[in-house]
PDB file of N, CA and C in Angstrom:
ATOM      1  N   MET A   1      -9.029   7.182  19.488  1.00  0.00           N
ATOM      2  CA  MET A   1      -9.443   6.010  17.702  1.00  0.00           C
ATOM      3  C   MET A   1      -8.696   6.732  16.734  1.00  0.00           C
ATOM      4  N   ILE A   2      -7.777   5.417  16.378  1.00  0.00           N
ATOM      5  CA  ILE A   2      -6.900   5.995  15.193  1.00  0.00           C
ATOM      6  C   ILE A   2      -7.505   6.065  14.092  1.00  0.00           C
ATOM      7  N   ARG A   3      -7.667   6.944  12.885  1.00  0.00           N
ATOM      8  CA  ARG A   3      -8.699   6.877  11.824  1.00  0.00           C
ATOM      9  C   ARG A   3      -7.964   6.006  10.885  1.00  0.00           C
ATOM     10  N   LEU A   4      -8.150   5.641   9.885  1.00  0.00           N
ATOM     11  CA  LEU A   4      -7.727   5.068   8.661  1.00  0.00           C
ATOM     12  C   LEU A   4      -8.407   5.765   7.570  1.00  0.00           C
ATOM     13  N   GLN A   5      -7.356   6.194   6.602  1.00  0.00           N
ATOM     14  CA  GLN A   5      -7.618   7.160   5.025  1.00  0.00           C
ATOM     15  C   GLN A   5      -7.220   6.906   4.376  1.00  0.00           C
ATOM     16  N   LEU A   6      -7.675   6.225   3.550  1.00  0.00           N
ATOM     17  CA  LEU A   6      -7.275   6.243   2.090  1.00  0.00           C
ATOM     18  C   LEU A   6      -7.031   7.274   1.280  1.00  0.00           C
ATOM     19  N   SER A   7      -6.054   7.309   0.322  1.00  0.00           N
ATOM     20  CA  SER A   7      -5.683   8.580  -0.762  1.00  0.00           C
ATOM     21  C   SER A   7      -6.633   7.882  -1.717  1.00  0.00           C
ATOM     22  N   PRO A   8      -7.271   8.884  -2.763  1.00  0.00           N
ATOM     23  CA  PRO A   8      -7.382   8.609  -3.824  1.00  0.00           C
ATOM     24  C   PRO A   8      -6.996   7.547  -4.754  1.00  0.00           C
ATOM     25  N   LEU A   9      -5.836   7.590  -4.671  1.00  0.00           N
ATOM     26  CA  LEU A   9      -4.583   6.887  -5.619  1.00  0.00           C
ATOM     27  C   LEU A   9      -4.720   5.388  -5.057  1.00  0.00           C
ATOM     28  N   ALA A  10      -4.964   5.191  -3.588  1.00  0.00           N
ATOM     29  CA  ALA A  10      -5.379   3.663  -3.102  1.00  0.00           C
ATOM     30  C   ALA A  10      -6.643   3.297  -2.837  1.00  0.00           C
ATOM     31  N   GLN A  11      -7.305   4.305  -3.259  1.00  0.00           N
ATOM     32  CA  GLN A  11      -8.636   3.933  -3.663  1.00  0.00           C
ATOM     33  C   GLN A  11      -8.636   3.787  -5.110  1.00  0.00           C
ATOM     34  N   LYS A  12      -8.119   4.294  -5.964  1.00  0.00           N
ATOM     35  CA  LYS A  12      -8.024   3.350  -7.555  1.00  0.00           C
ATOM     36  C   LYS A  12      -6.937   2.330  -7.540  1.00  0.00           C
ATOM     37  N   ASP A  13      -6.430   2.074  -6.980  1.00  0.00           N
ATOM     38  CA  ASP A  13      -5.683   0.789  -6.530  1.00  0.00           C
ATOM     39  C   ASP A  13      -6.404  -0.127  -6.546  1.00  0.00           C
ATOM     40  N   LEU A  14      -7.511  -0.224  -5.014  1.00  0.00           N
ATOM     41  CA  LEU A  14      -8.382  -1.176  -4.836  1.00  0.00           C
ATOM     42  C   LEU A  14      -9.065  -1.543  -6.032  1.00  0.00           C
ATOM     43  N   GLN A  15      -9.761  -0.408  -6.833  1.00  0.00           N
ATOM     44  CA  GLN A  15     -10.154  -0.564  -7.883  1.00  0.00           C
ATOM     45  C   GLN A  15      -9.895  -1.618  -9.025  1.00  0.00           C
ATOM     46  N   GLU A  16      -8.948  -0.773  -9.610  1.00  0.00           N
ATOM     47  CA  GLU A  16      -8.040  -1.553 -10.332  1.00  0.00           C
ATOM     48  C   GLU A  16      -7.661  -3.028  -9.973  1.00  0.00           C
ATOM     49  N   ILE A  17      -7.370  -3.470  -8.734  1.00  0.00           N
ATOM     50  CA  ILE A  17      -6.878  -4.632  -8.521  1.00  0.00           C
ATOM     51  C   ILE A  17      -8.548  -5.694  -8.517  1.00  0.00           C
ATOM     52  N   ARG A  18      -9.337  -5.259  -8.370  1.00  0.00           N
ATOM     53  CA  ARG A  18     -10.782  -6.027  -8.353  1.00  0.00           C
ATOM     54  C   ARG A  18     -10.903  -6.093  -9.838  1.00  0.00           C
ATOM     55  N   LEU A  19     -10.481  -5.032 -10.908  1.00  0.00           N
ATOM     56  CA  LEU A  19     -10.881  -5.015 -12.412  1.00  0.00           C
ATOM     57  C   LEU A  19     -10.112  -5.995 -12.578  1.00  0.00           C
ATOM     58  N   TYR A  20      -8.747  -6.171 -12.177  1.00  0.00           N
ATOM     59  CA  TYR A  20      -8.338  -6.970 -12.855  1.00  0.00           C
ATOM     60  C   TYR A  20      -8.195  -8.569 -12.719  1.00  0.00           C
ATOM     61  N   ILE A  21      -8.475  -8.936 -11.433  1.00  0.00           N
ATOM     62  CA  ILE A  21      -8.654  -9.998 -10.437  1.00  0.00           C
ATOM     63  C   ILE A  21     -10.280 -10.756 -11.762  1.00  0.00           C
ATOM     64  N   THR A  22     -11.661  -9.761 -12.131  1.00  0.00           N
ATOM     65  CA  THR A  22     -12.434 -10.001 -12.133  1.00  0.00           C
ATOM     66  C   THR A  22     -12.291 -10.381 -13.895  1.00  0.00           C
ATOM     67  N   ASP A  23     -11.482  -9.312 -14.640  1.00  0.00           N
ATOM     68  CA  ASP A  23     -12.234  -9.117 -15.938  1.00  0.00           C
ATOM     69  C   ASP A  23     -10.691  -9.955 -16.484  1.00  0.00           C
ATOM     70  N   GLU A  24      -9.607  -9.733 -16.102  1.00  0.00           N
ATOM     71  CA  GLU A  24      -8.788 -10.366 -16.730  1.00  0.00           C
ATOM     72  C   GLU A  24      -8.317 -11.942 -16.530  1.00  0.00           C
ATOM     73  N   LEU A  25      -8.578 -12.203 -15.131  1.00  0.00           N
ATOM     74  CA  LEU A  25      -8.488 -13.335 -14.467  1.00  0.00           C
ATOM     75  C   LEU A  25      -9.601 -14.071 -15.183  1.00  0.00           C
ATOM     76  N   GLN A  26     -10.472 -13.531 -14.989  1.00  0.00           N
ATOM     77  CA  GLN A  26     -11.899 -14.132 -14.947  1.00  0.00           C
ATOM     78  C   GLN A  26     -12.347 -15.124 -13.909  1.00  0.00           C
ATOM     79  N   ASN A  27     -12.015 -14.050 -12.669  1.00  0.00           N
ATOM     80  CA  ASN A  27     -12.344 -14.891 -11.788  1.00  0.00           C
ATOM     81  C   ASN A  27     -12.727 -13.899 -10.163  1.00  0.00           C
ATOM     82  N   PRO A  28     -13.925 -13.474 -10.260  1.00  0.00           N
ATOM     83  CA  PRO A  28     -15.092 -12.755  -9.640  1.00  0.00           C
ATOM     84  C   PRO A  28     -14.954 -13.108  -7.691  1.00  0.00           C
ATOM     85  N   PRO A  29     -14.939 -14.181  -8.011  1.00  0.00           N
ATOM     86  CA  PRO A  29     -14.840 -14.648  -5.956  1.00  0.00           C
ATOM     87  C   PRO A  29     -13.161 -14.379  -5.544  1.00  0.00           C
ATOM     88  N   ALA A  30     -12.276 -14.570  -6.801  1.00  0.00           N
ATOM     89  CA  ALA A  30     -10.769 -14.630  -5.673  1.00  0.00           C
ATOM     90  C   ALA A  30     -10.705 -12.650  -6.163  1.00  0.00           C
ATOM     91  N   ALA A  31     -11.387 -11.913  -6.815  1.00  0.00           N
ATOM     92  CA  ALA A  31     -11.230 -10.617  -6.842  1.00  0.00           C
ATOM     93  C   ALA A  31     -11.754 -10.025  -5.387  1.00  0.00           C
ATOM     94  N   ILE A  32     -13.196 -10.669  -5.199  1.00  0.00           N
ATOM     95  CA  ILE A  32     -13.529 -10.283  -3.871  1.00  0.00           C
ATOM     96  C   ILE A  32     -12.573 -10.783  -2.371  1.00  0.00           C
ATOM     97  N   ASN A  33     -12.259 -12.004  -2.619  1.00  0.00           N
ATOM     98  CA  ASN A  33     -11.418 -12.973  -1.174  1.00  0.00           C
ATOM     99  C   ASN A  33     -10.185 -11.432  -1.223  1.00  0.00           C
ATOM    100  N   VAL A  34      -9.721 -11.186  -2.501  1.00  0.00           N
ATOM    101  CA  VAL A  34      -8.505 -10.680  -2.084  1.00  0.00           C
ATOM    102  C   VAL A  34      -8.940  -9.222  -1.508  1.00  0.00           C
ATOM    103  N   LEU A  35      -9.538  -8.467  -1.930  1.00  0.00           N
ATOM    104  CA  LEU A  35      -9.942  -7.444  -1.252  1.00  0.00           C
ATOM    105  C   LEU A  35     -10.271  -7.486  -0.275  1.00  0.00           C
ATOM    106  N   LYS A  36     -10.954  -8.157   0.405  1.00  0.00           N
ATOM    107  CA  LYS A  36     -11.254  -8.743   1.827  1.00  0.00           C
ATOM    108  C   LYS A  36     -10.483  -8.533   2.590  1.00  0.00           C
ATOM    109  N   ARG A  37      -9.134  -9.469   2.057  1.00  0.00           N
ATOM    110  CA  ARG A  37      -7.883  -9.740   2.838  1.00  0.00           C
ATOM    111  C   ARG A  37      -7.091  -8.459   2.849  1.00  0.00           C
ATOM    112  N   ILE A  38      -7.317  -7.402   1.928  1.00  0.00           N
ATOM    113  CA  ILE A  38      -6.452  -6.501   1.842  1.00  0.00           C
ATOM    114  C   ILE A  38      -6.910  -5.123   2.874  1.00  0.00           C
ATOM    115  N   THR A  39      -8.509  -5.058   2.767  1.00  0.00           N
ATOM    116  CA  THR A  39      -9.000  -4.624   3.748  1.00  0.00           C
ATOM    117  C   THR A  39      -8.925  -4.874   5.108  1.00  0.00           C
ATOM    118  N   LYS A  40      -8.968  -6.053   5.665  1.00  0.00           N
ATOM    119  CA  LYS A  40      -8.804  -6.590   6.964  1.00  0.00           C
ATOM    120  C   LYS A  40      -7.507  -6.017   7.449  1.00  0.00           C
ATOM    121  N   LYS A  41      -6.269  -6.127   6.279  1.00  0.00           N
ATOM    122  CA  LYS A  41      -4.858  -5.801   7.271  1.00  0.00           C
ATOM    123  C   LYS A  41      -4.770  -4.815   7.461  1.00  0.00           C
ATOM    124  N   LEU A  42      -5.662  -3.769   6.421  1.00  0.00           N
ATOM    125  CA  LEU A  42      -5.368  -2.091   6.344  1.00  0.00           C
ATOM    126  C   LEU A  42      -6.569  -1.426   7.535  1.00  0.00           C
ATOM    127  N   ARG A  43      -7.155  -2.654   7.764  1.00  0.00           N
ATOM    128  CA  ARG A  43      -7.786  -2.415   9.248  1.00  0.00           C
ATOM    129  C   ARG A  43      -6.933  -2.225  10.687  1.00  0.00           C
ATOM    130  N   SER A  44      -6.252  -3.352  10.428  1.00  0.00           N
ATOM    131  CA  SER A  44      -5.726  -4.050  11.662  1.00  0.00           C
ATOM    132  C   SER A  44      -4.870  -3.134  12.059  1.00  0.00           C
ATOM    133  N   ILE A  45      -3.753  -2.086  10.839  1.00  0.00           N
ATOM    134  CA  ILE A  45      -3.108  -1.306  11.294  1.00  0.00           C
ATOM    135  C   ILE A  45      -3.426   0.062  12.402  1.00  0.00           C
ATOM    136  N   THR A  46      -5.248   0.156  12.406  1.00  0.00           N
ATOM    137  CA  THR A  46      -5.716   1.236  13.277  1.00  0.00           C
ATOM    138  C   THR A  46      -4.968   0.733  14.730  1.00  0.00           C
ATOM    139  N   ASP A  47      -5.115  -0.445  15.011  1.00  0.00           N
ATOM    140  CA  ASP A  47      -4.749  -1.196  16.192  1.00  0.00           C
ATOM    141  C   ASP A  47      -3.395  -0.905  16.156  1.00  0.00           C
ATOM    142  N   PHE A  48      -2.830  -1.388  15.580  1.00  0.00           N
ATOM    143  CA  PHE A  48      -0.871  -1.239  15.247  1.00  0.00           C
ATOM    144  C   PHE A  48      -0.433  -0.488  14.343  1.00  0.00           C
ATOM    145  N   PRO A  49      -0.685   0.659  14.617  1.00  0.00           N
ATOM    146  CA  PRO A  49       0.228   1.527  13.802  1.00  0.00           C
ATOM    147  C   PRO A  49       1.375   1.532  13.150  1.00  0.00           C
ATOM    148  N   ASN A  50       2.164   0.887  13.778  1.00  0.00           N
ATOM    149  CA  ASN A  50       3.829   0.727  13.993  1.00  0.00           C
ATOM    150  C   ASN A  50       4.247  -0.494  13.434  1.00  0.00           C
ATOM    151  N   MET A  51       3.183  -1.120  12.758  1.00  0.00           N
ATOM    152  CA  MET A  51       3.440  -2.751  12.805  1.00  0.00           C
ATOM    153  C   MET A  51       3.976  -3.391  11.437  1.00  0.00           C
ATOM    154  N   GLY A  52       3.664  -1.922  10.329  1.00  0.00           N
ATOM    155  CA  GLY A  52       4.519  -1.996   9.424  1.00  0.00           C
ATOM    156  C   GLY A  52       5.616  -1.760   9.191  1.00  0.00           C
ATOM    157  N   ALA A  53       6.776  -2.190   8.658  1.00  0.00           N
ATOM    158  CA  ALA A  53       8.322  -2.022   8.789  1.00  0.00           C
ATOM    159  C   ALA A  53       8.886  -0.128   7.688  1.00  0.00           C
ATOM    160  N   ALA A  54       9.665   0.627   8.200  1.00  0.00           N
ATOM    161  CA  ALA A  54       9.683   1.488   7.934  1.00  0.00           C
ATOM    162  C   ALA A  54      10.071   1.311   6.381  1.00  0.00           C
ATOM    163  N   LEU A  55       9.799   2.009   5.206  1.00  0.00           N
ATOM    164  CA  LEU A  55      10.147   2.071   3.800  1.00  0.00           C
ATOM    165  C   LEU A  55      11.891   2.080   3.747  1.00  0.00           C
ATOM    166  N   SER A  56      12.301   3.320   4.844  1.00  0.00           N
ATOM    167  CA  SER A  56      13.701   3.442   4.855  1.00  0.00           C
ATOM    168  C   SER A  56      14.384   2.342   5.376  1.00  0.00           C
ATOM    169  N   SER A  57      14.324   1.204   5.630  1.00  0.00           N
ATOM    170  CA  SER A  57      14.588  -0.170   6.078  1.00  0.00           C
ATOM    171  C   SER A  57      15.146  -0.838   5.093  1.00  0.00           C
ATOM    172  N   ILE A  58      14.537  -0.943   3.482  1.00  0.00           N
ATOM    173  CA  ILE A  58      14.800  -1.658   2.576  1.00  0.00           C
ATOM    174  C   ILE A  58      14.621  -0.736   1.337  1.00  0.00           C
ATOM    175  N   ALA A  59      14.950   0.420   1.643  1.00  0.00           N
ATOM    176  CA  ALA A  59      14.981   1.023   0.833  1.00  0.00           C
ATOM    177  C   ALA A  59      15.793   2.395   0.701  1.00  0.00           C
ATOM    178  N   ASP A  60      16.644   3.320   0.009  1.00  0.00           N
ATOM    179  CA  ASP A  60      17.835   4.215   0.583  1.00  0.00           C
ATOM    180  C   ASP A  60      17.484   5.502   0.200  1.00  0.00           C
ATOM    181  N   ILE A  61      16.276   5.999   1.113  1.00  0.00           N
ATOM    182  CA  ILE A  61      15.138   6.759   0.893  1.00  0.00           C
ATOM    183  C   ILE A  61      14.964   7.332   2.128  1.00  0.00           C
ATOM    184  N   GLU A  62      15.055   8.859   2.380  1.00  0.00           N
ATOM    185  CA  GLU A  62      14.501   9.138   4.053  1.00  0.00           C
ATOM    186  C   GLU A  62      13.291   9.527   3.646  1.00  0.00           C
ATOM    187  N   THR A  63      12.207   9.031   4.486  1.00  0.00           N
ATOM    188  CA  THR A  63      10.658   9.339   4.627  1.00  0.00           C
ATOM    189  C   THR A  63       9.918   8.580   5.589  1.00  0.00           C
ATOM    190  N   ASP A  64       9.485   9.194   5.734  1.00  0.00           N
ATOM    191  CA  ASP A  64       8.460   8.237   6.940  1.00  0.00           C
ATOM    192  C   ASP A  64       7.321   7.813   6.607  1.00  0.00           C
ATOM    193  N   TYR A  65       7.250   7.094   5.552  1.00  0.00           N
ATOM    194  CA  TYR A  65       6.442   5.677   4.636  1.00  0.00           C
ATOM    195  C   TYR A  65       6.846   4.518   5.699  1.00  0.00           C
ATOM    196  N   ARG A  66       5.896   3.945   5.481  1.00  0.00           N
ATOM    197  CA  ARG A  66       5.973   2.570   6.249  1.00  0.00           C
ATOM    198  C   ARG A  66       5.515   1.525   4.984  1.00  0.00           C
ATOM    199  N   PHE A  67       5.386   0.350   5.123  1.00  0.00           N
ATOM    200  CA  PHE A  67       4.737  -0.980   4.218  1.00  0.00           C
ATOM    201  C   PHE A  67       4.468  -1.726   5.315  1.00  0.00           C
ATOM    202  N   LEU A  68       3.163  -2.321   4.659  1.00  0.00           N
ATOM    203  CA  LEU A  68       2.772  -3.503   5.243  1.00  0.00           C
ATOM    204  C   LEU A  68       2.645  -4.573   3.872  1.00  0.00           C
ATOM    205  N   VAL A  69       2.798  -5.933   4.116  1.00  0.00           N
ATOM    206  CA  VAL A  69       2.507  -6.937   2.997  1.00  0.00           C
ATOM    207  C   VAL A  69       1.204  -7.462   3.241  1.00  0.00           C
ATOM    208  N   CYS A  70       0.563  -7.407   2.085  1.00  0.00           N
ATOM    209  CA  CYS A  70      -1.275  -7.822   2.297  1.00  0.00           C
ATOM    210  C   CYS A  70      -0.888  -9.200   1.136  1.00  0.00           C
ATOM    211  N   GLY A  71      -0.505 -10.363   1.172  1.00  0.00           N
ATOM    212  CA  GLY A  71      -0.756 -11.193   0.427  1.00  0.00           C
ATOM    213  C   GLY A  71       0.236 -10.897  -1.122  1.00  0.00           C
ATOM    214  N   ASN A  72      -0.038 -10.375  -2.580  1.00  0.00           N
ATOM    215  CA  ASN A  72       0.682 -10.730  -3.231  1.00  0.00           C
ATOM    216  C   ASN A  72       0.741  -8.653  -3.380  1.00  0.00           C
ATOM    217  N   TYR A  73       0.252  -7.921  -2.688  1.00  0.00           N
ATOM    218  CA  TYR A  73      -0.151  -6.349  -2.793  1.00  0.00           C
ATOM    219  C   TYR A  73       0.708  -5.955  -1.315  1.00  0.00           C
ATOM    220  N   THR A  74       1.275  -4.658  -1.557  1.00  0.00           N
ATOM    221  CA  THR A  74       1.901  -3.790  -0.241  1.00  0.00           C
ATOM    222  C   THR A  74       1.032  -2.807  -0.291  1.00  0.00           C
ATOM    223  N   ALA A  75       1.096  -2.402   1.076  1.00  0.00           N
ATOM    224  CA  ALA A  75       0.096  -1.326   0.986  1.00  0.00           C
ATOM    225  C   ALA A  75       1.075  -0.119   1.608  1.00  0.00           C
ATOM    226  N   PHE A  76       1.502   1.278   0.810  1.00  0.00           N
ATOM    227  CA  PHE A  76       2.333   2.135   1.854  1.00  0.00           C
ATOM    228  C   PHE A  76       1.149   3.204   2.272  1.00  0.00           C
ATOM    229  N   TYR A  77       1.883   3.311   3.529  1.00  0.00           N
ATOM    230  CA  TYR A  77       1.051   4.602   4.448  1.00  0.00           C
ATOM    231  C   TYR A  77       1.919   5.427   5.322  1.00  0.00           C
ATOM    232  N   ARG A  78       1.294   6.158   6.020  1.00  0.00           N
ATOM    233  CA  ARG A  78       2.191   7.289   7.006  1.00  0.00           C
ATOM    234  C   ARG A  78       0.765   7.190   8.249  1.00  0.00           C
ATOM    235  N   TYR A  79       2.103   7.182   9.357  1.00  0.00           N
ATOM    236  CA  TYR A  79       0.982   7.300  10.360  1.00  0.00           C
ATOM    237  C   TYR A  79       1.053   8.581  11.174  1.00  0.00           C
ATOM    238  N   ASP A  80       0.447   9.603  11.406  1.00  0.00           N
ATOM    239  CA  ASP A  80       0.934  11.144  12.265  1.00  0.00           C
ATOM    240  C   ASP A  80       0.607  10.755  13.823  1.00  0.00           C
ATOM    241  N   GLY A  81       0.163  10.082  14.431  1.00  0.00           N
ATOM    242  CA  GLY A  81      -0.474  10.237  15.620  1.00  0.00           C
ATOM    243  C   GLY A  81      -1.890   9.651  15.875  1.00  0.00           C
ATOM    244  N   GLU A  82      -2.542  10.631  14.835  1.00  0.00           N
ATOM    245  CA  GLU A  82      -4.344  10.343  15.003  1.00  0.00           C
ATOM    246  C   GLU A  82      -4.239   9.494  13.931  1.00  0.00           C
ATOM    247  N   THR A  83      -3.860   9.879  12.794  1.00  0.00           N
ATOM    248  CA  THR A  83      -4.506   9.120  11.459  1.00  0.00           C
ATOM    249  C   THR A  83      -3.615   7.967  10.757  1.00  0.00           C
ATOM    250  N   VAL A  84      -4.044   7.097  10.183  1.00  0.00           N
ATOM    251  CA  VAL A  84      -3.144   6.195   9.556  1.00  0.00           C
ATOM    252  C   VAL A  84      -3.741   6.323   7.964  1.00  0.00           C
ATOM    253  N   TYR A  85      -2.706   6.920   6.928  1.00  0.00           N
ATOM    254  CA  TYR A  85      -2.831   7.457   5.949  1.00  0.00           C
ATOM    255  C   TYR A  85      -2.403   6.205   4.540  1.00  0.00           C
ATOM    256  N   ILE A  86      -3.427   5.659   4.346  1.00  0.00           N
ATOM    257  CA  ILE A  86      -2.886   4.762   3.048  1.00  0.00           C
ATOM    258  C   ILE A  86      -2.486   5.434   1.836  1.00  0.00           C
ATOM    259  N   ILE A  87      -1.381   5.536   1.366  1.00  0.00           N
ATOM    260  CA  ILE A  87      -0.731   6.045  -0.071  1.00  0.00           C
ATOM    261  C   ILE A  87      -1.076   5.297  -1.254  1.00  0.00           C
ATOM    262  N   ARG A  88      -0.619   3.872  -1.127  1.00  0.00           N
ATOM    263  CA  ARG A  88      -0.792   3.421  -2.476  1.00  0.00           C
ATOM    264  C   ARG A  88      -1.170   2.014  -1.768  1.00  0.00           C
ATOM    265  N   ILE A  89      -1.742   1.023  -2.686  1.00  0.00           N
ATOM    266  CA  ILE A  89      -1.570  -0.475  -3.111  1.00  0.00           C
ATOM    267  C   ILE A  89      -1.051  -0.791  -3.614  1.00  0.00           C
ATOM    268  N   LEU A  90      -0.027  -1.447  -4.161  1.00  0.00           N
ATOM    269  CA  LEU A  90       0.715  -1.989  -5.357  1.00  0.00           C
ATOM    270  C   LEU A  90       1.085  -3.498  -4.969  1.00  0.00           C
ATOM    271  N   TYR A  91       1.080  -4.100  -6.505  1.00  0.00           N
ATOM    272  CA  TYR A  91       1.482  -5.550  -6.551  1.00  0.00           C
ATOM    273  C   TYR A  91       3.248  -5.654  -6.394  1.00  0.00           C
ATOM    274  N   ASN A  92       3.571  -6.584  -5.527  1.00  0.00           N
ATOM    275  CA  ASN A  92       4.477  -6.523  -4.997  1.00  0.00           C
ATOM    276  C   ASN A  92       5.930  -6.546  -6.628  1.00  0.00           C
ATOM    277  N   ARG A  93       5.325  -7.062  -7.188  1.00  0.00           N
ATOM    278  CA  ARG A  93       6.406  -7.176  -8.240  1.00  0.00           C
ATOM    279  C   ARG A  93       6.595  -5.506  -8.932  1.00  0.00           C
ATOM    280  N   ARG A  94       5.909  -4.621  -8.973  1.00  0.00           N
ATOM    281  CA  ARG A  94       6.037  -3.281  -9.082  1.00  0.00           C
ATOM    282  C   ARG A  94       7.681  -2.366  -8.732  1.00  0.00           C
ATOM    283  N   ASN A  95       7.888  -1.491  -9.367  1.00  0.00           N
ATOM    284  CA  ASN A  95       8.956  -0.785  -8.714  1.00  0.00           C
ATOM    285  C   ASN A  95       8.400   0.218  -8.334  1.00  0.00           C
ATOM    286  N   PHE A  96       8.339  -0.049  -6.785  1.00  0.00           N
ATOM    287  CA  PHE A  96       7.151   0.666  -5.637  1.00  0.00           C
ATOM    288  C   PHE A  96       8.102   1.936  -5.784  1.00  0.00           C
ATOM    289  N   VAL A  97       9.586   1.977  -5.512  1.00  0.00           N
ATOM    290  CA  VAL A  97      10.102   3.545  -5.110  1.00  0.00           C
ATOM    291  C   VAL A  97       9.947   4.117  -6.901  1.00  0.00           C
ATOM    292  N   LYS A  98       9.805   3.998  -7.610  1.00  0.00           N
ATOM    293  CA  LYS A  98       9.664   4.919  -8.522  1.00  0.00           C
ATOM    294  C   LYS A  98       8.117   5.080  -8.386  1.00  0.00           C
ATOM    295  N   ILE A  99       7.500   4.188  -8.563  1.00  0.00           N
ATOM    296  CA  ILE A  99       6.247   4.631  -8.158  1.00  0.00           C
ATOM    297  C   ILE A  99       5.757   6.085  -7.434  1.00  0.00           C
ATOM    298  N   LEU A 100       6.451   5.238  -6.191  1.00  0.00           N
ATOM    299  CA  LEU A 100       5.984   6.822  -4.875  1.00  0.00           C
ATOM    300  C   LEU A 100       6.784   7.555  -5.342  1.00  0.00           C
ATOM    301  N   PHE A 101       7.858   7.433  -5.800  1.00  0.00           N
ATOM    302  CA  PHE A 101       8.932   8.992  -5.598  1.00  0.00           C
ATOM    303  C   PHE A 101       9.186   9.423  -7.063  1.00  0.00           C
ATOM    304  N   GLY A 102       9.130   8.836  -8.295  1.00  0.00           N
ATOM    305  CA  GLY A 102       9.777   9.404  -9.348  1.00  0.00           C
ATOM    306  C   GLY A 102      10.965   8.933  -9.491  1.00  0.00           C
ATOM    307  N   ASP A 103      11.443   9.249 -10.289  1.00  0.00           N
ATOM    308  CA  ASP A 103      12.996   9.488 -10.656  1.00  0.00           C
ATOM    309  C   ASP A 103      13.707  10.195  -9.669  1.00  0.00           C
ATOM    310  N   ILE A 104      13.997   9.852  -8.627  1.00  0.00           N
ATOM    311  CA  ILE A 104      14.757  10.114  -7.809  1.00  0.00           C
ATOM    312  C   ILE A 104      16.321  10.135  -7.760  1.00  0.00           C
ATOM    313  N   THR A 105      16.996   9.863  -8.642  1.00  0.00           N
ATOM    314  CA  THR A 105      18.446   9.537  -9.131  1.00  0.00           C
ATOM    315  C   THR A 105      19.065  11.277  -9.025  1.00  0.00           C
ATOM    316  N   CYS A 106      20.162  11.146  -8.292  1.00  0.00           N
ATOM    317  CA  CYS A 106      21.115  12.391  -8.098  1.00  0.00           C
ATOM    318  C   CYS A 106      22.602  12.413  -8.910  1.00  0.00           C
ATOM    319  N   ASP A 107      22.551  13.383  -9.867  1.00  0.00           N
ATOM    320  CA  ASP A 107      24.043  13.412 -10.228  1.00  0.00           C
ATOM    321  C   ASP A 107      24.897  13.981  -9.171  1.00  0.00           C
ATOM    322  N   GLU A 108      25.862  12.662  -8.945  1.00  0.00           N
ATOM    323  CA  GLU A 108      27.132  13.120  -8.105  1.00  0.00           C
ATOM    324  C   GLU A 108      28.175  13.745  -8.689  1.00  0.00           C
ATOM    325  N   GLU A 109      28.993  14.735  -7.852  1.00  0.00           N
ATOM    326  CA  GLU A 109      29.842  15.408  -8.539  1.00  0.00           C
ATOM    327  C   GLU A 109      31.397  15.368  -8.106  1.00  0.00           C
TER     328      GLU A 109
END
């Protein structure tokens, strides 16, 4: 059976999503529903670990990361054959390449 493991940052992302929707948007029921949809989608990865697209298909980066859109959020993960490791869960409009990899620009000569 394939295991699902959330990184500490992914756990923090889920907490921040809940807090933002609950506190800033003043909608606790929506926060619960959003988290339920995200976690349901994450659990489905254990049945089909390659269901997410390769991140390198949309970003000019060599990586084994995959991504899966979960409503307004995107989960970034790796699969090693035994474990799906959720790295981050980010709002779709954020600059995910910079968040995941930092400033990776290279000076060409």
